[in-house]
Each structure stands twice: as structure tokens, then as C-alpha cells.
Amino acid sequence: MSVQQVLDDCEVRERLVSHIEDSGVNGFFSMQIGRNGFKMLHGEIDALTFMFYDGLAGRYLEKMLANDHRIYLVSQYIDLLSSRNLSMSTLEVGTGTGGQTMRSLNAMSRDGVE
């Protein structure tokens, strides 16, 4: 089926959207943002309020940060910084869901964090 056929057929398009939403948190998040993107851009709805309503962004970020491949470079960078400066102070600003906090602390601690 071509892209044009999907665009032209409302039923096919809705089945595709449902399939993507049901595929997991990434698909659900993407479809919700896609459905409401114009409203966010035009100021009809507040983007942060929308994304954090009902834990939508939290679930997405939790899934994203659980993927070691996605955060590997950040963890390596934090590890290098903290190993070169043992008395380094850190300040976490705008933590949102705090999903990166534990990974950052683990990267700074050779013994792990409990």
C-alpha cells in the first residue's frame, strides 16, 4: 500500500495510527504529539502541560532512559568528569521526571549507588 493510499483512506489511516499507538510507549507518545502538534504550536494548548498530563512524558522518558545505547555517551562523559575531579560538585536543574538522576549518580560512583 502506498503512502498516498493511506492518506486518502481514513479507515486505513486510523488502523495504522492505532497499530502505532499499541506498539508501545514510543508509538503512543509519538501519535499523541502528532495529533496535538498544531495546537501546541499555535498556543491553543500548553505543550508541557499536555506532555506531562497523566504521566505521558514520564513513561516515554523512563522507556528512553532505560535504553543503555541512548544514554551511553552521557554516562561516559559524566564518568570521565567525575574521575578527573573527585571533589566535583553537581547541580541538577530542571529534573522533570528525574529519570537521568540515578544513571548519573551511578556513573559518578565506582561502587554504585543504593
C-alpha atoms as a PDB file:
ATOM      1  CA  MET A   1       0.000   0.000   0.000  1.00  0.00           C
ATOM      2  CA  SER A   2       1.373   3.426  -0.913  1.00  0.00           C
ATOM      3  CA  VAL A   3       1.600   6.437   1.375  1.00  0.00           C
ATOM      4  CA  GLN A   4      -0.955   8.232  -0.793  1.00  0.00           C
ATOM      5  CA  GLN A   5      -3.439   5.373  -0.327  1.00  0.00           C
ATOM      6  CA  VAL A   6      -3.025   5.595   3.457  1.00  0.00           C
ATOM      7  CA  LEU A   7      -3.536   9.358   3.352  1.00  0.00           C
ATOM      8  CA  ASP A   8      -6.630   9.025   1.188  1.00  0.00           C
ATOM      9  CA  ASP A   9      -8.309   6.232   3.199  1.00  0.00           C
ATOM     10  CA  CYS A  10      -9.469   7.380   6.648  1.00  0.00           C
ATOM     11  CA  GLU A  11     -10.138   3.830   7.884  1.00  0.00           C
ATOM     12  CA  VAL A  12      -6.691   2.576   6.861  1.00  0.00           C
ATOM     13  CA  ARG A  13      -5.080   5.644   8.385  1.00  0.00           C
ATOM     14  CA  GLU A  14      -6.882   5.135  11.718  1.00  0.00           C
ATOM     15  CA  ARG A  15      -5.878   1.451  11.790  1.00  0.00           C
ATOM     16  CA  LEU A  16      -2.254   2.461  11.208  1.00  0.00           C
ATOM     17  CA  VAL A  17      -2.408   5.074  13.980  1.00  0.00           C
ATOM     18  CA  SER A  18      -3.970   2.524  16.360  1.00  0.00           C
ATOM     19  CA  HIS A  19      -1.290  -0.005  15.476  1.00  0.00           C
ATOM     20  CA  ILE A  20       1.457   2.527  16.189  1.00  0.00           C
ATOM     21  CA  GLU A  21      -0.174   3.618  19.469  1.00  0.00           C
ATOM     22  CA  ASP A  22      -0.494  -0.008  20.575  1.00  0.00           C
ATOM     23  CA  SER A  23       3.145  -0.765  19.728  1.00  0.00           C
ATOM     24  CA  GLY A  24       4.413   0.698  22.998  1.00  0.00           C
ATOM     25  CA  VAL A  25       5.117   3.897  24.829  1.00  0.00           C
ATOM     26  CA  ASN A  26       7.218   5.365  21.994  1.00  0.00           C
ATOM     27  CA  GLY A  27       4.434   4.885  19.458  1.00  0.00           C
ATOM     28  CA  PHE A  28       1.755   6.166  21.828  1.00  0.00           C
ATOM     29  CA  PHE A  29       3.820   9.257  22.712  1.00  0.00           C
ATOM     30  CA  SER A  30       4.561   9.981  19.035  1.00  0.00           C
ATOM     31  CA  MET A  31       0.914   9.723  17.987  1.00  0.00           C
ATOM     32  CA  GLN A  32      -0.260  11.931  20.853  1.00  0.00           C
ATOM     33  CA  ILE A  33       2.310  14.593  19.980  1.00  0.00           C
ATOM     34  CA  GLY A  34       1.433  14.274  16.296  1.00  0.00           C
ATOM     35  CA  ARG A  35      -2.290  14.676  16.932  1.00  0.00           C
ATOM     36  CA  ASN A  36      -1.773  17.761  19.052  1.00  0.00           C
ATOM     37  CA  GLY A  37       1.310  19.340  17.474  1.00  0.00           C
ATOM     38  CA  PHE A  38      -0.531  22.136  15.674  1.00  0.00           C
ATOM     39  CA  LYS A  39      -2.469  23.034  18.822  1.00  0.00           C
ATOM     40  CA  MET A  40       0.818  23.271  20.716  1.00  0.00           C
ATOM     41  CA  LEU A  41       2.486  25.355  18.011  1.00  0.00           C
ATOM     42  CA  HIS A  42      -0.481  27.735  17.829  1.00  0.00           C
ATOM     43  CA  GLY A  43      -0.652  28.125  21.607  1.00  0.00           C
ATOM     44  CA  GLU A  44      -4.080  26.520  21.886  1.00  0.00           C
ATOM     45  CA  ILE A  45      -2.727  24.070  24.442  1.00  0.00           C
ATOM     46  CA  ASP A  46       0.364  24.282  26.615  1.00  0.00           C
ATOM     47  CA  ALA A  47       2.928  21.754  25.392  1.00  0.00           C
ATOM     48  CA  LEU A  48       4.419  20.971  28.808  1.00  0.00           C
ATOM     49  CA  THR A  49       1.034  20.587  30.446  1.00  0.00           C
ATOM     50  CA  PHE A  50      -0.043  18.257  27.655  1.00  0.00           C
ATOM     51  CA  MET A  51       3.114  16.143  27.694  1.00  0.00           C
ATOM     52  CA  PHE A  52       3.189  15.762  31.474  1.00  0.00           C
ATOM     53  CA  TYR A  53      -0.569  15.171  31.874  1.00  0.00           C
ATOM     54  CA  ASP A  54      -1.297  11.643  33.035  1.00  0.00           C
ATOM     55  CA  GLY A  55       2.419  10.783  33.083  1.00  0.00           C
ATOM     56  CA  LEU A  56       2.767  10.710  29.275  1.00  0.00           C
ATOM     57  CA  ALA A  57       6.262  12.251  29.156  1.00  0.00           C
ATOM     58  CA  GLY A  58       7.343  10.353  32.255  1.00  0.00           C
ATOM     59  CA  ARG A  59       6.504   6.989  30.693  1.00  0.00           C
ATOM     60  CA  TYR A  60       8.255   7.970  27.463  1.00  0.00           C
ATOM     61  CA  LEU A  61      11.389   9.234  29.217  1.00  0.00           C
ATOM     62  CA  GLU A  62      11.515   6.215  31.519  1.00  0.00           C
ATOM     63  CA  LYS A  63      11.480   3.922  28.492  1.00  0.00           C
ATOM     64  CA  MET A  64      14.013   6.039  26.620  1.00  0.00           C
ATOM     65  CA  LEU A  65      16.418   6.268  29.562  1.00  0.00           C
ATOM     66  CA  ALA A  66      16.161   2.530  30.178  1.00  0.00           C
ATOM     67  CA  ASN A  67      17.912   2.025  26.845  1.00  0.00           C
ATOM     68  CA  ASP A  68      21.650   1.888  27.562  1.00  0.00           C
ATOM     69  CA  HIS A  69      22.521   2.737  23.962  1.00  0.00           C
ATOM     70  CA  ARG A  70      20.747   6.092  24.172  1.00  0.00           C
ATOM     71  CA  ILE A  71      22.483   7.314  27.291  1.00  0.00           C
ATOM     72  CA  TYR A  72      25.876   5.655  26.937  1.00  0.00           C
ATOM     73  CA  LEU A  73      27.768   8.787  25.835  1.00  0.00           C
ATOM     74  CA  VAL A  74      26.298  10.931  28.605  1.00  0.00           C
ATOM     75  CA  SER A  75      27.206   8.324  31.213  1.00  0.00           C
ATOM     76  CA  GLN A  76      30.734   8.051  29.838  1.00  0.00           C
ATOM     77  CA  TYR A  77      31.143  11.831  29.872  1.00  0.00           C
ATOM     78  CA  ILE A  78      29.937  12.084  33.484  1.00  0.00           C
ATOM     79  CA  ASP A  79      32.255   9.229  34.458  1.00  0.00           C
ATOM     80  CA  LEU A  80      35.251  10.998  32.896  1.00  0.00           C
ATOM     81  CA  LEU A  81      34.424  14.321  34.541  1.00  0.00           C
ATOM     82  CA  SER A  82      33.935  12.837  37.981  1.00  0.00           C
ATOM     83  CA  SER A  83      37.045  10.636  37.845  1.00  0.00           C
ATOM     84  CA  ARG A  84      39.227  13.640  36.949  1.00  0.00           C
ATOM     85  CA  ASN A  85      37.736  15.858  39.638  1.00  0.00           C
ATOM     86  CA  LEU A  86      36.955  13.866  42.781  1.00  0.00           C
ATOM     87  CA  SER A  87      35.646  16.919  44.618  1.00  0.00           C
ATOM     88  CA  MET A  88      33.336  17.922  41.764  1.00  0.00           C
ATOM     89  CA  SER A  89      30.008  19.408  42.815  1.00  0.00           C
ATOM     90  CA  THR A  90      26.912  18.845  40.748  1.00  0.00           C
ATOM     91  CA  LEU A  91      23.633  20.670  40.446  1.00  0.00           C
ATOM     92  CA  GLU A  92      20.686  19.096  38.686  1.00  0.00           C
ATOM     93  CA  VAL A  93      18.386  21.703  37.183  1.00  0.00           C
ATOM     94  CA  GLY A  94      15.005  21.099  35.621  1.00  0.00           C
ATOM     95  CA  THR A  95      14.919  17.463  36.565  1.00  0.00           C
ATOM     96  CA  GLY A  96      11.455  16.796  35.150  1.00  0.00           C
ATOM     97  CA  THR A  97      10.924  13.128  35.909  1.00  0.00           C
ATOM     98  CA  GLY A  98      14.380  12.625  37.415  1.00  0.00           C
ATOM     99  CA  GLY A  99      14.933   9.625  35.155  1.00  0.00           C
ATOM    100  CA  GLN A 100      18.550  10.512  34.437  1.00  0.00           C
ATOM    101  CA  THR A 101      19.469  11.157  38.086  1.00  0.00           C
ATOM    102  CA  MET A 102      20.221   7.573  39.152  1.00  0.00           C
ATOM    103  CA  ARG A 103      22.209   6.841  35.992  1.00  0.00           C
ATOM    104  CA  SER A 104      24.268   9.991  36.557  1.00  0.00           C
ATOM    105  CA  LEU A 105      24.924   9.087  40.172  1.00  0.00           C
ATOM    106  CA  ASN A 106      25.929   5.567  39.176  1.00  0.00           C
ATOM    107  CA  ALA A 107      28.329   6.949  36.576  1.00  0.00           C
ATOM    108  CA  MET A 108      29.969   9.133  39.240  1.00  0.00           C
ATOM    109  CA  SER A 109      30.290   6.322  41.761  1.00  0.00           C
ATOM    110  CA  ARG A 110      32.621   3.383  41.184  1.00  0.00           C
ATOM    111  CA  ASP A 111      30.840   1.430  43.936  1.00  0.00           C
ATOM    112  CA  GLY A 112      27.339   2.084  42.666  1.00  0.00           C
ATOM    113  CA  VAL A 113      24.517   3.946  44.383  1.00  0.00           C
ATOM    114  CA  GLU A 114      21.968   2.479  46.756  1.00  0.00           C
END
